């Protein structure tokens, strides 16, 4: 666990947003409305320091205190369940969309600003095996209004929707159970829609 203490408002740079930081994947993301992550009985995150397992974990906490209220205390925390008994399958996280935050800012005053991003078949065809999903977490910030993922096969035929939220609510984010198999060569598209009609200036990571 890495902790940084700031004595004044400052720009915080996530190690995950840096390709050279070594923090290349999220294990779990909690946001408002979220619940604990409970893995299926047949899977777990491998923690053995090898190339296939987790070598270390970084806890990153985002605080939002626009009114600059003093004497606020954070009593939150995490509990990790660890065992020496390996599960049959290793769990992992497939991050879709814009994990390195490269999209341009969202312009102000737009009721439906859209972006579609792809995890192409050229990427999934390099996997060493197919993967089976058990949950999906669709995450945006306060300007988010709608989000969904579509699943396509190598012949460009739609296989279905991995997860979809028609009315996105920032204060009610949660895991969506999704059980499907993504085959090497499949394509996954992420569709994001934002509403910036109440914004007076452009917004990064809306």
N, C-alpha and C. Protein backbone atom coordinates (compact mmCIF):
# COMPACT_ATOMS: atom_id res chain seq x y z
N UNK A 1 0.85 -1.18 0.00
CA UNK A 1 0.00 0.00 0.00
C UNK A 1 0.89 1.23 0.00
N UNK A 2 0.61 2.13 -0.90
CA UNK A 2 1.37 3.37 -0.99
C UNK A 2 0.47 4.53 -0.58
N UNK A 3 0.97 5.40 0.27
CA UNK A 3 0.17 6.52 0.72
C UNK A 3 0.94 7.81 0.51
N UNK A 4 0.26 8.82 0.02
CA UNK A 4 0.86 10.14 -0.15
C UNK A 4 -0.01 11.16 0.58
N UNK A 5 0.62 12.04 1.33
CA UNK A 5 -0.09 13.05 2.10
C UNK A 5 0.23 14.42 1.54
N UNK A 6 -0.81 15.18 1.20
CA UNK A 6 -0.64 16.53 0.67
C UNK A 6 -1.12 17.53 1.71
N UNK A 7 -0.37 18.59 1.91
CA UNK A 7 -0.74 19.62 2.86
C UNK A 7 -1.52 20.76 2.21
N UNK A 8 -1.63 20.72 0.89
CA UNK A 8 -2.36 21.76 0.16
C UNK A 8 -2.90 21.14 -1.12
N UNK A 9 -3.97 21.73 -1.71
CA UNK A 9 -4.49 21.19 -2.98
C UNK A 9 -3.39 21.09 -4.02
N UNK A 10 -3.33 19.94 -4.70
CA UNK A 10 -2.27 19.72 -5.67
C UNK A 10 -2.75 18.73 -6.72
N UNK A 11 -2.03 18.70 -7.84
CA UNK A 11 -2.35 17.76 -8.90
C UNK A 11 -1.83 16.38 -8.52
N UNK A 12 -2.70 15.39 -8.56
CA UNK A 12 -2.32 14.01 -8.23
C UNK A 12 -2.23 13.21 -9.51
N UNK A 13 -1.11 12.57 -9.74
CA UNK A 13 -0.90 11.78 -10.95
C UNK A 13 -0.97 10.31 -10.57
N UNK A 14 -1.95 9.61 -11.13
CA UNK A 14 -2.12 8.19 -10.82
C UNK A 14 -0.98 7.38 -11.42
N UNK A 15 -0.39 6.44 -10.65
CA UNK A 15 0.65 5.59 -11.25
C UNK A 15 0.11 4.70 -12.35
N UNK A 16 -1.20 4.43 -12.32
CA UNK A 16 -1.78 3.58 -13.36
C UNK A 16 -1.84 4.30 -14.69
N UNK A 17 -1.91 5.61 -14.68
CA UNK A 17 -1.94 6.37 -15.92
C UNK A 17 -0.58 6.48 -16.58
N UNK A 18 0.46 5.96 -15.91
CA UNK A 18 1.82 6.02 -16.43
C UNK A 18 2.20 4.62 -16.92
N UNK A 19 2.43 4.46 -18.20
CA UNK A 19 2.74 3.14 -18.76
C UNK A 19 4.02 2.56 -18.18
N UNK A 20 4.90 3.41 -17.65
CA UNK A 20 6.19 2.95 -17.14
C UNK A 20 6.20 2.76 -15.63
N UNK A 21 5.05 2.90 -14.98
CA UNK A 21 5.00 2.82 -13.52
C UNK A 21 5.00 1.39 -13.01
N UNK A 22 4.63 0.44 -13.85
CA UNK A 22 4.48 -0.94 -13.40
C UNK A 22 3.09 -1.25 -12.90
N UNK A 23 2.26 -0.22 -12.70
CA UNK A 23 0.87 -0.43 -12.27
C UNK A 23 -0.01 -0.46 -13.52
N UNK A 24 -0.14 -1.62 -14.10
CA UNK A 24 -0.78 -1.70 -15.41
C UNK A 24 -2.20 -2.24 -15.37
N UNK A 25 -2.71 -2.59 -14.19
CA UNK A 25 -4.06 -3.14 -14.15
C UNK A 25 -4.69 -2.87 -12.81
N UNK A 26 -5.99 -2.62 -12.83
CA UNK A 26 -6.74 -2.48 -11.59
C UNK A 26 -7.23 -3.85 -11.14
N UNK A 27 -7.18 -4.07 -9.84
CA UNK A 27 -7.76 -5.28 -9.28
C UNK A 27 -9.22 -5.03 -8.90
N UNK A 28 -9.49 -3.86 -8.38
CA UNK A 28 -10.86 -3.53 -7.99
C UNK A 28 -10.99 -2.02 -7.91
N UNK A 29 -12.13 -1.52 -8.33
CA UNK A 29 -12.43 -0.10 -8.25
C UNK A 29 -13.76 0.06 -7.51
N UNK A 30 -13.71 0.78 -6.41
CA UNK A 30 -14.95 1.08 -5.69
C UNK A 30 -15.31 2.54 -5.95
N UNK A 31 -16.58 2.78 -6.21
CA UNK A 31 -17.09 4.14 -6.37
C UNK A 31 -18.44 4.22 -5.66
N UNK A 32 -19.00 5.40 -5.59
CA UNK A 32 -20.25 5.60 -4.87
C UNK A 32 -21.31 4.59 -5.31
N UNK A 33 -21.94 3.96 -4.33
CA UNK A 33 -22.97 2.98 -4.64
C UNK A 33 -22.43 1.58 -4.82
N UNK A 34 -21.09 1.43 -4.79
CA UNK A 34 -20.48 0.14 -5.05
C UNK A 34 -20.60 -0.82 -3.88
N UNK A 35 -20.35 -2.08 -4.17
CA UNK A 35 -20.41 -3.13 -3.16
C UNK A 35 -19.08 -3.87 -3.14
N UNK A 36 -18.82 -4.69 -2.12
CA UNK A 36 -17.56 -5.45 -2.09
C UNK A 36 -17.43 -6.38 -3.29
N UNK A 37 -16.21 -6.63 -3.69
CA UNK A 37 -15.95 -7.56 -4.79
C UNK A 37 -15.84 -8.97 -4.21
N UNK A 38 -16.78 -9.83 -4.56
CA UNK A 38 -16.76 -11.23 -4.14
C UNK A 38 -16.55 -12.09 -5.38
N UNK A 39 -15.42 -12.76 -5.46
CA UNK A 39 -15.10 -13.54 -6.64
C UNK A 39 -15.87 -14.86 -6.63
N UNK A 40 -16.12 -15.43 -7.80
CA UNK A 40 -16.72 -16.76 -7.85
C UNK A 40 -15.82 -17.78 -7.14
N UNK A 41 -16.40 -18.85 -6.60
CA UNK A 41 -15.60 -19.82 -5.83
C UNK A 41 -14.47 -20.47 -6.62
N UNK A 42 -14.56 -20.46 -7.95
CA UNK A 42 -13.56 -21.16 -8.76
C UNK A 42 -12.39 -20.28 -9.18
N UNK A 43 -12.37 -19.03 -8.74
CA UNK A 43 -11.32 -18.14 -9.22
C UNK A 43 -10.80 -17.24 -8.11
N UNK A 44 -9.58 -16.73 -8.33
CA UNK A 44 -8.97 -15.79 -7.40
C UNK A 44 -7.80 -15.10 -8.09
N UNK A 45 -7.36 -13.97 -7.54
CA UNK A 45 -6.20 -13.28 -8.09
C UNK A 45 -4.93 -13.96 -7.59
N UNK A 46 -4.08 -14.38 -8.52
CA UNK A 46 -2.84 -15.06 -8.16
C UNK A 46 -1.87 -14.05 -7.54
N UNK A 47 -1.38 -14.35 -6.35
CA UNK A 47 -0.46 -13.44 -5.64
C UNK A 47 0.78 -14.23 -5.25
N UNK A 48 1.71 -14.33 -6.19
CA UNK A 48 2.94 -15.07 -5.89
C UNK A 48 4.20 -14.39 -6.38
N UNK A 49 4.07 -13.17 -6.90
CA UNK A 49 5.24 -12.43 -7.33
C UNK A 49 5.81 -12.87 -8.67
N UNK A 50 5.17 -13.84 -9.33
CA UNK A 50 5.66 -14.29 -10.63
C UNK A 50 5.12 -13.37 -11.73
N UNK A 51 5.52 -13.66 -12.96
CA UNK A 51 5.03 -12.86 -14.08
C UNK A 51 3.53 -13.02 -14.27
N UNK A 52 2.97 -14.13 -13.80
CA UNK A 52 1.54 -14.38 -13.95
C UNK A 52 0.74 -13.88 -12.76
N UNK A 53 1.41 -13.50 -11.68
CA UNK A 53 0.70 -13.11 -10.46
C UNK A 53 0.97 -11.68 -10.06
N UNK A 54 0.25 -11.24 -9.03
CA UNK A 54 0.42 -9.90 -8.51
C UNK A 54 1.70 -9.83 -7.68
N UNK A 55 2.54 -8.82 -7.94
CA UNK A 55 3.77 -8.63 -7.18
C UNK A 55 3.55 -7.67 -6.02
N UNK A 56 2.69 -6.69 -6.22
CA UNK A 56 2.38 -5.73 -5.17
C UNK A 56 1.05 -5.07 -5.49
N UNK A 57 0.47 -4.43 -4.49
CA UNK A 57 -0.79 -3.71 -4.64
C UNK A 57 -0.58 -2.26 -4.24
N UNK A 58 -1.22 -1.37 -4.96
CA UNK A 58 -1.21 0.06 -4.64
C UNK A 58 -2.64 0.49 -4.34
N UNK A 59 -2.85 1.06 -3.18
CA UNK A 59 -4.17 1.59 -2.83
C UNK A 59 -4.20 3.06 -3.20
N UNK A 60 -5.12 3.42 -4.11
CA UNK A 60 -5.24 4.80 -4.56
C UNK A 60 -6.61 5.32 -4.14
N UNK A 61 -6.63 6.39 -3.38
CA UNK A 61 -7.87 6.96 -2.86
C UNK A 61 -8.04 8.36 -3.43
N UNK A 62 -9.22 8.62 -4.00
CA UNK A 62 -9.53 9.94 -4.55
C UNK A 62 -10.47 10.67 -3.59
N UNK A 63 -10.11 11.86 -3.19
CA UNK A 63 -10.95 12.67 -2.30
C UNK A 63 -11.53 13.85 -3.08
N UNK A 64 -12.75 14.20 -2.73
CA UNK A 64 -13.42 15.32 -3.36
C UNK A 64 -13.96 16.24 -2.27
N UNK A 65 -13.34 17.39 -2.11
CA UNK A 65 -13.75 18.34 -1.06
C UNK A 65 -13.78 19.74 -1.65
N UNK A 66 -14.72 19.99 -2.58
CA UNK A 66 -14.73 21.29 -3.27
C UNK A 66 -14.97 22.47 -2.34
N UNK A 67 -15.65 22.26 -1.20
CA UNK A 67 -15.90 23.35 -0.26
C UNK A 67 -14.72 23.59 0.67
N UNK A 68 -13.67 22.74 0.55
CA UNK A 68 -12.47 22.86 1.39
C UNK A 68 -12.81 22.84 2.88
N UNK A 69 -13.71 21.92 3.24
CA UNK A 69 -14.08 21.79 4.65
C UNK A 69 -12.93 21.20 5.44
N UNK A 70 -12.71 21.74 6.62
CA UNK A 70 -11.61 21.28 7.48
C UNK A 70 -12.09 20.18 8.42
N UNK A 71 -11.12 19.47 9.01
CA UNK A 71 -11.38 18.46 10.04
C UNK A 71 -12.22 17.29 9.55
N UNK A 72 -12.14 16.97 8.27
CA UNK A 72 -12.80 15.78 7.77
C UNK A 72 -11.90 14.57 7.99
N UNK A 73 -12.48 13.47 8.44
CA UNK A 73 -11.71 12.27 8.75
C UNK A 73 -12.20 11.11 7.89
N UNK A 74 -11.27 10.39 7.29
CA UNK A 74 -11.61 9.23 6.47
C UNK A 74 -11.36 7.97 7.30
N UNK A 75 -12.43 7.21 7.55
CA UNK A 75 -12.31 5.96 8.29
C UNK A 75 -12.51 4.74 7.41
N UNK A 76 -12.46 4.93 6.10
CA UNK A 76 -12.68 3.81 5.20
C UNK A 76 -11.42 2.94 5.12
N UNK A 77 -11.55 1.78 4.53
CA UNK A 77 -10.42 0.89 4.37
C UNK A 77 -10.79 -0.29 3.50
N UNK A 78 -9.89 -1.22 3.37
CA UNK A 78 -10.14 -2.40 2.57
C UNK A 78 -9.74 -3.64 3.37
N UNK A 79 -10.36 -4.76 3.03
CA UNK A 79 -10.00 -6.04 3.61
C UNK A 79 -9.78 -7.02 2.47
N UNK A 80 -8.60 -7.64 2.45
CA UNK A 80 -8.24 -8.59 1.41
C UNK A 80 -8.23 -9.99 2.02
N UNK A 81 -8.94 -10.92 1.41
CA UNK A 81 -8.95 -12.31 1.85
C UNK A 81 -7.91 -13.08 1.04
N UNK A 82 -6.98 -13.74 1.74
CA UNK A 82 -5.86 -14.41 1.10
C UNK A 82 -5.82 -15.86 1.55
N UNK A 83 -5.46 -16.77 0.64
CA UNK A 83 -5.38 -18.18 0.99
C UNK A 83 -4.22 -18.83 0.25
N UNK A 84 -3.68 -19.90 0.85
CA UNK A 84 -2.64 -20.69 0.18
C UNK A 84 -3.24 -21.74 -0.76
N UNK A 85 -4.54 -21.96 -0.65
CA UNK A 85 -5.21 -22.95 -1.51
C UNK A 85 -5.60 -22.29 -2.83
N UNK A 86 -4.89 -22.63 -3.89
CA UNK A 86 -5.13 -21.99 -5.18
C UNK A 86 -6.47 -22.42 -5.76
N UNK A 87 -7.15 -21.48 -6.38
CA UNK A 87 -8.40 -21.77 -7.08
C UNK A 87 -8.09 -22.34 -8.46
N UNK A 88 -9.05 -23.03 -9.08
CA UNK A 88 -8.80 -23.64 -10.41
C UNK A 88 -8.46 -22.62 -11.49
N UNK A 89 -9.04 -21.41 -11.41
CA UNK A 89 -8.82 -20.41 -12.46
C UNK A 89 -8.30 -19.11 -11.85
N UNK A 90 -7.44 -18.42 -12.60
CA UNK A 90 -6.92 -17.13 -12.16
C UNK A 90 -7.83 -16.01 -12.63
N UNK A 91 -8.11 -15.08 -11.74
CA UNK A 91 -8.92 -13.91 -12.09
C UNK A 91 -8.04 -12.81 -12.66
N UNK A 92 -8.64 -11.94 -13.42
CA UNK A 92 -7.94 -10.80 -13.98
C UNK A 92 -8.92 -9.69 -14.30
N UNK A 93 -8.40 -8.55 -14.72
CA UNK A 93 -9.23 -7.40 -15.07
C UNK A 93 -8.90 -6.98 -16.50
N UNK A 94 -9.91 -6.88 -17.32
CA UNK A 94 -9.78 -6.37 -18.68
C UNK A 94 -10.31 -4.95 -18.69
N UNK A 95 -9.43 -3.98 -18.81
CA UNK A 95 -9.85 -2.58 -18.83
C UNK A 95 -10.11 -2.14 -20.25
N UNK A 96 -11.31 -1.63 -20.47
CA UNK A 96 -11.73 -1.19 -21.79
C UNK A 96 -11.90 0.31 -21.81
N UNK A 97 -12.08 0.86 -22.99
CA UNK A 97 -12.32 2.30 -23.10
C UNK A 97 -11.02 3.07 -23.19
N UNK A 98 -10.76 3.90 -22.19
CA UNK A 98 -9.62 4.81 -22.23
C UNK A 98 -8.83 4.72 -20.92
N UNK A 99 -8.19 3.59 -20.62
CA UNK A 99 -7.53 3.43 -19.32
C UNK A 99 -6.37 4.38 -19.08
N UNK A 100 -5.72 4.86 -20.15
CA UNK A 100 -4.60 5.78 -19.98
C UNK A 100 -5.00 7.24 -20.16
N UNK A 101 -6.30 7.50 -20.19
CA UNK A 101 -6.85 8.86 -20.18
C UNK A 101 -6.29 9.71 -21.31
N UNK A 102 -6.47 9.24 -22.52
CA UNK A 102 -5.95 9.95 -23.69
C UNK A 102 -7.01 10.74 -24.44
N UNK A 103 -8.28 10.58 -24.08
CA UNK A 103 -9.35 11.28 -24.80
C UNK A 103 -9.28 12.79 -24.57
N UNK A 104 -9.69 13.57 -25.56
CA UNK A 104 -9.72 15.03 -25.36
C UNK A 104 -10.80 15.42 -24.37
N UNK A 105 -10.72 16.65 -23.89
CA UNK A 105 -11.70 17.16 -22.92
C UNK A 105 -13.09 17.21 -23.54
N UNK A 106 -14.10 17.08 -22.68
CA UNK A 106 -15.49 17.13 -23.11
C UNK A 106 -15.91 18.59 -23.22
N UNK A 107 -16.37 19.06 -24.36
CA UNK A 107 -16.74 20.47 -24.49
C UNK A 107 -17.99 20.79 -23.68
N UNK A 108 -18.09 22.04 -23.27
CA UNK A 108 -19.24 22.47 -22.47
C UNK A 108 -20.47 22.66 -23.35
N UNK A 109 -21.65 22.51 -22.72
CA UNK A 109 -22.91 22.84 -23.39
C UNK A 109 -23.39 21.83 -24.41
N UNK A 110 -23.01 20.56 -24.27
CA UNK A 110 -23.43 19.53 -25.23
C UNK A 110 -24.30 18.52 -24.48
N UNK A 111 -25.51 18.28 -24.98
CA UNK A 111 -26.43 17.37 -24.29
C UNK A 111 -26.09 15.91 -24.51
N UNK A 112 -25.42 15.59 -25.62
CA UNK A 112 -25.08 14.20 -25.90
C UNK A 112 -23.74 14.16 -26.64
N UNK A 113 -22.66 14.12 -25.87
CA UNK A 113 -21.31 14.05 -26.43
C UNK A 113 -20.85 12.60 -26.36
N UNK A 114 -20.54 11.99 -27.50
CA UNK A 114 -20.30 10.56 -27.55
C UNK A 114 -18.88 10.22 -28.00
N UNK A 115 -18.42 9.08 -27.49
CA UNK A 115 -17.16 8.48 -27.93
C UNK A 115 -17.33 6.97 -27.97
N UNK A 116 -16.76 6.35 -28.98
CA UNK A 116 -16.75 4.90 -29.07
C UNK A 116 -15.30 4.43 -29.20
N UNK A 117 -14.89 3.54 -28.33
CA UNK A 117 -13.52 3.05 -28.33
C UNK A 117 -13.54 1.54 -28.47
N UNK A 118 -12.48 1.00 -29.08
CA UNK A 118 -12.49 -0.42 -29.43
C UNK A 118 -11.28 -1.15 -28.85
N UNK A 119 -11.55 -2.36 -28.35
CA UNK A 119 -10.50 -3.35 -28.10
C UNK A 119 -10.55 -4.30 -29.29
N UNK A 120 -9.70 -4.08 -30.29
CA UNK A 120 -9.88 -4.75 -31.59
C UNK A 120 -9.47 -6.23 -31.56
N UNK A 121 -9.88 -6.94 -32.59
CA UNK A 121 -9.56 -8.35 -32.70
C UNK A 121 -8.05 -8.56 -32.80
N UNK A 122 -7.32 -7.57 -33.35
CA UNK A 122 -5.86 -7.69 -33.42
C UNK A 122 -5.24 -7.78 -32.04
N UNK A 123 -5.93 -7.21 -31.05
CA UNK A 123 -5.44 -7.27 -29.66
C UNK A 123 -5.82 -8.60 -29.02
N UNK A 124 -7.10 -8.96 -29.07
CA UNK A 124 -7.54 -10.18 -28.39
C UNK A 124 -6.96 -11.44 -29.03
N UNK A 125 -6.60 -11.37 -30.31
CA UNK A 125 -6.02 -12.55 -30.97
C UNK A 125 -4.64 -12.88 -30.42
N UNK A 126 -4.02 -11.94 -29.68
CA UNK A 126 -2.71 -12.18 -29.09
C UNK A 126 -2.80 -12.80 -27.70
N UNK A 127 -4.02 -12.94 -27.18
CA UNK A 127 -4.17 -13.59 -25.88
C UNK A 127 -3.69 -15.04 -25.97
N UNK A 128 -3.26 -15.59 -24.85
CA UNK A 128 -2.82 -16.98 -24.83
C UNK A 128 -4.00 -17.94 -24.69
N UNK A 129 -5.17 -17.42 -24.31
CA UNK A 129 -6.35 -18.28 -24.15
C UNK A 129 -7.60 -17.39 -24.16
N UNK A 130 -8.75 -18.01 -24.36
CA UNK A 130 -10.02 -17.30 -24.24
C UNK A 130 -10.28 -16.96 -22.77
N UNK A 131 -11.18 -16.01 -22.52
CA UNK A 131 -11.48 -15.64 -21.14
C UNK A 131 -12.99 -15.72 -20.89
N UNK A 132 -13.34 -16.03 -19.66
CA UNK A 132 -14.74 -16.08 -19.23
C UNK A 132 -14.99 -14.95 -18.25
N UNK A 133 -15.98 -14.13 -18.54
CA UNK A 133 -16.29 -12.99 -17.67
C UNK A 133 -17.32 -13.39 -16.62
N UNK A 134 -17.26 -12.71 -15.47
CA UNK A 134 -18.28 -12.93 -14.44
C UNK A 134 -18.90 -11.63 -13.95
N UNK A 135 -18.31 -10.48 -14.31
CA UNK A 135 -18.88 -9.20 -13.88
C UNK A 135 -18.33 -8.08 -14.74
N UNK A 136 -19.06 -6.97 -14.76
CA UNK A 136 -18.64 -5.77 -15.49
C UNK A 136 -18.92 -4.55 -14.63
N UNK A 137 -17.99 -3.61 -14.63
CA UNK A 137 -18.18 -2.35 -13.90
C UNK A 137 -18.03 -1.21 -14.90
N UNK A 138 -19.12 -0.52 -15.18
CA UNK A 138 -19.11 0.62 -16.10
C UNK A 138 -18.87 1.88 -15.28
N UNK A 139 -17.80 2.60 -15.59
CA UNK A 139 -17.40 3.73 -14.73
C UNK A 139 -17.19 5.00 -15.55
N UNK A 140 -17.90 6.05 -15.17
CA UNK A 140 -17.67 7.40 -15.67
C UNK A 140 -17.74 8.34 -14.48
N UNK A 141 -17.65 9.63 -14.76
CA UNK A 141 -17.75 10.61 -13.69
C UNK A 141 -19.09 11.36 -13.79
N UNK A 142 -19.16 12.53 -13.21
CA UNK A 142 -20.47 13.18 -13.01
C UNK A 142 -21.17 13.60 -14.30
N UNK A 143 -20.44 13.75 -15.42
CA UNK A 143 -21.08 14.13 -16.68
C UNK A 143 -21.61 12.92 -17.44
N UNK A 144 -21.28 11.72 -17.00
CA UNK A 144 -21.72 10.53 -17.69
C UNK A 144 -23.23 10.38 -17.69
N UNK A 145 -23.80 9.99 -18.82
CA UNK A 145 -25.26 9.80 -18.89
C UNK A 145 -25.65 8.42 -19.41
N UNK A 146 -24.78 7.76 -20.19
CA UNK A 146 -25.11 6.43 -20.72
C UNK A 146 -23.80 5.73 -21.09
N UNK A 147 -23.78 4.39 -20.90
CA UNK A 147 -22.57 3.64 -21.25
C UNK A 147 -22.93 2.18 -21.50
N UNK A 148 -22.26 1.56 -22.49
CA UNK A 148 -22.48 0.15 -22.76
C UNK A 148 -21.29 -0.42 -23.53
N UNK A 149 -21.14 -1.73 -23.46
CA UNK A 149 -20.11 -2.45 -24.20
C UNK A 149 -20.77 -3.44 -25.15
N UNK A 150 -20.31 -3.51 -26.39
CA UNK A 150 -20.81 -4.48 -27.35
C UNK A 150 -19.71 -5.49 -27.68
N UNK A 151 -20.12 -6.72 -27.94
CA UNK A 151 -19.21 -7.85 -28.14
C UNK A 151 -19.41 -8.39 -29.56
N UNK A 152 -18.32 -8.40 -30.35
CA UNK A 152 -18.38 -8.81 -31.76
C UNK A 152 -17.42 -9.96 -31.99
N UNK A 153 -17.78 -10.87 -32.92
CA UNK A 153 -16.87 -11.96 -33.24
C UNK A 153 -15.91 -11.53 -34.36
N UNK A 154 -15.03 -12.45 -34.75
CA UNK A 154 -13.99 -12.11 -35.73
C UNK A 154 -14.55 -11.86 -37.13
N UNK A 155 -15.78 -12.29 -37.39
CA UNK A 155 -16.41 -12.03 -38.69
C UNK A 155 -17.30 -10.79 -38.65
N UNK A 156 -17.17 -10.00 -37.58
CA UNK A 156 -17.88 -8.74 -37.43
C UNK A 156 -19.37 -8.92 -37.18
N UNK A 157 -19.74 -10.06 -36.58
CA UNK A 157 -21.13 -10.30 -36.21
C UNK A 157 -21.31 -9.97 -34.72
N UNK A 158 -22.38 -9.25 -34.41
CA UNK A 158 -22.64 -8.87 -33.03
C UNK A 158 -23.03 -10.09 -32.20
N UNK A 159 -22.29 -10.33 -31.12
CA UNK A 159 -22.57 -11.46 -30.24
C UNK A 159 -23.47 -11.05 -29.07
N UNK A 160 -23.49 -9.74 -28.77
CA UNK A 160 -24.36 -9.27 -27.69
C UNK A 160 -23.75 -8.09 -26.96
N UNK A 161 -24.42 -7.70 -25.89
CA UNK A 161 -23.97 -6.59 -25.05
C UNK A 161 -23.41 -7.15 -23.75
N UNK A 162 -22.20 -6.76 -23.40
CA UNK A 162 -21.60 -7.24 -22.16
C UNK A 162 -22.24 -6.57 -20.94
N UNK A 163 -22.58 -5.32 -21.06
CA UNK A 163 -23.25 -4.59 -19.98
C UNK A 163 -23.76 -3.28 -20.57
N UNK A 164 -24.84 -2.76 -19.99
CA UNK A 164 -25.43 -1.53 -20.51
C UNK A 164 -26.13 -0.78 -19.39
N UNK A 165 -25.90 0.52 -19.31
CA UNK A 165 -26.60 1.39 -18.37
C UNK A 165 -27.24 2.52 -19.18
N UNK A 166 -28.55 2.54 -19.21
CA UNK A 166 -29.28 3.54 -19.99
C UNK A 166 -29.27 4.92 -19.31
N UNK A 167 -29.34 4.92 -17.99
CA UNK A 167 -29.37 6.19 -17.24
C UNK A 167 -28.29 6.12 -16.17
N UNK A 168 -27.11 6.59 -16.55
CA UNK A 168 -25.96 6.49 -15.66
C UNK A 168 -26.10 7.46 -14.49
N UNK A 169 -25.86 6.98 -13.28
CA UNK A 169 -25.92 7.82 -12.08
C UNK A 169 -24.61 7.68 -11.32
N UNK A 170 -23.86 8.76 -11.21
CA UNK A 170 -22.54 8.72 -10.59
C UNK A 170 -22.59 8.23 -9.16
N UNK A 171 -23.68 8.53 -8.44
CA UNK A 171 -23.78 8.14 -7.02
C UNK A 171 -24.28 6.71 -6.83
N UNK A 172 -24.51 5.99 -7.91
CA UNK A 172 -25.03 4.62 -7.80
C UNK A 172 -24.30 3.72 -8.79
N UNK A 173 -23.02 3.51 -8.54
CA UNK A 173 -22.22 2.65 -9.41
C UNK A 173 -22.10 1.26 -8.78
N UNK A 174 -22.14 0.23 -9.61
CA UNK A 174 -22.13 -1.12 -9.05
C UNK A 174 -21.66 -2.12 -10.09
N UNK A 175 -21.27 -3.29 -9.62
CA UNK A 175 -20.90 -4.39 -10.49
C UNK A 175 -22.15 -4.99 -11.13
N UNK A 176 -22.03 -5.32 -12.42
CA UNK A 176 -23.12 -5.95 -13.15
C UNK A 176 -22.71 -7.39 -13.47
N UNK A 177 -23.46 -8.40 -13.01
CA UNK A 177 -23.10 -9.78 -13.34
C UNK A 177 -23.17 -10.01 -14.86
N UNK A 178 -22.09 -10.49 -15.43
CA UNK A 178 -22.03 -10.78 -16.85
C UNK A 178 -21.25 -12.09 -17.03
N UNK A 179 -21.90 -13.10 -17.54
CA UNK A 179 -21.24 -14.38 -17.78
C UNK A 179 -21.22 -14.67 -19.27
N UNK A 180 -20.05 -14.61 -19.85
CA UNK A 180 -19.89 -14.91 -21.27
C UNK A 180 -18.44 -15.27 -21.52
N UNK A 181 -18.16 -15.82 -22.68
CA UNK A 181 -16.79 -16.16 -23.07
C UNK A 181 -16.35 -15.25 -24.20
N UNK A 182 -15.21 -14.60 -24.01
CA UNK A 182 -14.62 -13.78 -25.06
C UNK A 182 -13.52 -14.60 -25.71
N UNK A 183 -13.72 -14.89 -26.99
CA UNK A 183 -12.81 -15.75 -27.73
C UNK A 183 -11.72 -14.91 -28.39
N UNK A 184 -10.53 -15.48 -28.45
CA UNK A 184 -9.44 -14.79 -29.12
C UNK A 184 -9.86 -14.42 -30.55
N UNK A 185 -9.67 -13.16 -30.89
CA UNK A 185 -10.11 -12.65 -32.19
C UNK A 185 -11.39 -11.86 -32.12
N UNK A 186 -12.10 -11.94 -30.99
CA UNK A 186 -13.31 -11.12 -30.81
C UNK A 186 -12.94 -9.65 -30.65
N UNK A 187 -13.92 -8.80 -30.81
CA UNK A 187 -13.74 -7.35 -30.64
C UNK A 187 -14.76 -6.84 -29.61
N UNK A 188 -14.33 -5.90 -28.78
CA UNK A 188 -15.22 -5.30 -27.79
C UNK A 188 -15.18 -3.78 -27.95
N UNK A 189 -16.35 -3.19 -28.13
CA UNK A 189 -16.44 -1.74 -28.26
C UNK A 189 -17.08 -1.15 -27.02
N UNK A 190 -16.53 -0.04 -26.56
CA UNK A 190 -17.07 0.70 -25.41
C UNK A 190 -17.70 2.00 -25.91
N UNK A 191 -18.95 2.21 -25.55
CA UNK A 191 -19.70 3.40 -25.97
C UNK A 191 -19.96 4.27 -24.73
N UNK A 192 -19.56 5.53 -24.81
CA UNK A 192 -19.73 6.45 -23.69
C UNK A 192 -20.47 7.71 -24.16
N UNK A 193 -21.42 8.15 -23.36
CA UNK A 193 -22.19 9.35 -23.67
C UNK A 193 -22.17 10.26 -22.45
N UNK A 194 -21.86 11.54 -22.67
CA UNK A 194 -21.81 12.52 -21.59
C UNK A 194 -22.80 13.66 -21.85
N UNK A 195 -23.25 14.30 -20.79
CA UNK A 195 -24.13 15.47 -20.87
C UNK A 195 -23.44 16.62 -20.15
N UNK A 196 -23.00 17.62 -20.90
CA UNK A 196 -22.25 18.75 -20.32
C UNK A 196 -23.02 20.06 -20.42
N UNK A 197 -24.35 19.97 -20.49
CA UNK A 197 -25.15 21.19 -20.65
C UNK A 197 -25.01 22.14 -19.46
N UNK A 198 -24.68 21.62 -18.28
CA UNK A 198 -24.54 22.48 -17.09
C UNK A 198 -23.11 22.94 -16.86
N UNK A 199 -22.21 22.54 -17.75
CA UNK A 199 -20.80 22.93 -17.60
C UNK A 199 -20.53 24.26 -18.30
N UNK A 200 -19.70 25.08 -17.70
CA UNK A 200 -19.35 26.37 -18.29
C UNK A 200 -18.00 26.31 -19.01
N UNK A 201 -17.28 25.22 -18.86
CA UNK A 201 -16.00 25.06 -19.53
C UNK A 201 -15.78 23.58 -19.82
N UNK A 202 -14.80 23.28 -20.62
CA UNK A 202 -14.53 21.89 -20.99
C UNK A 202 -14.10 21.10 -19.75
N UNK A 203 -14.32 19.78 -19.80
CA UNK A 203 -14.08 18.92 -18.64
C UNK A 203 -13.22 17.74 -19.03
N UNK A 204 -12.13 17.52 -18.30
CA UNK A 204 -11.32 16.33 -18.49
C UNK A 204 -11.90 15.19 -17.66
N UNK A 205 -11.89 13.99 -18.24
CA UNK A 205 -12.35 12.78 -17.53
C UNK A 205 -13.75 12.97 -16.94
N UNK A 206 -14.70 13.42 -17.75
CA UNK A 206 -16.04 13.70 -17.24
C UNK A 206 -16.86 12.48 -16.98
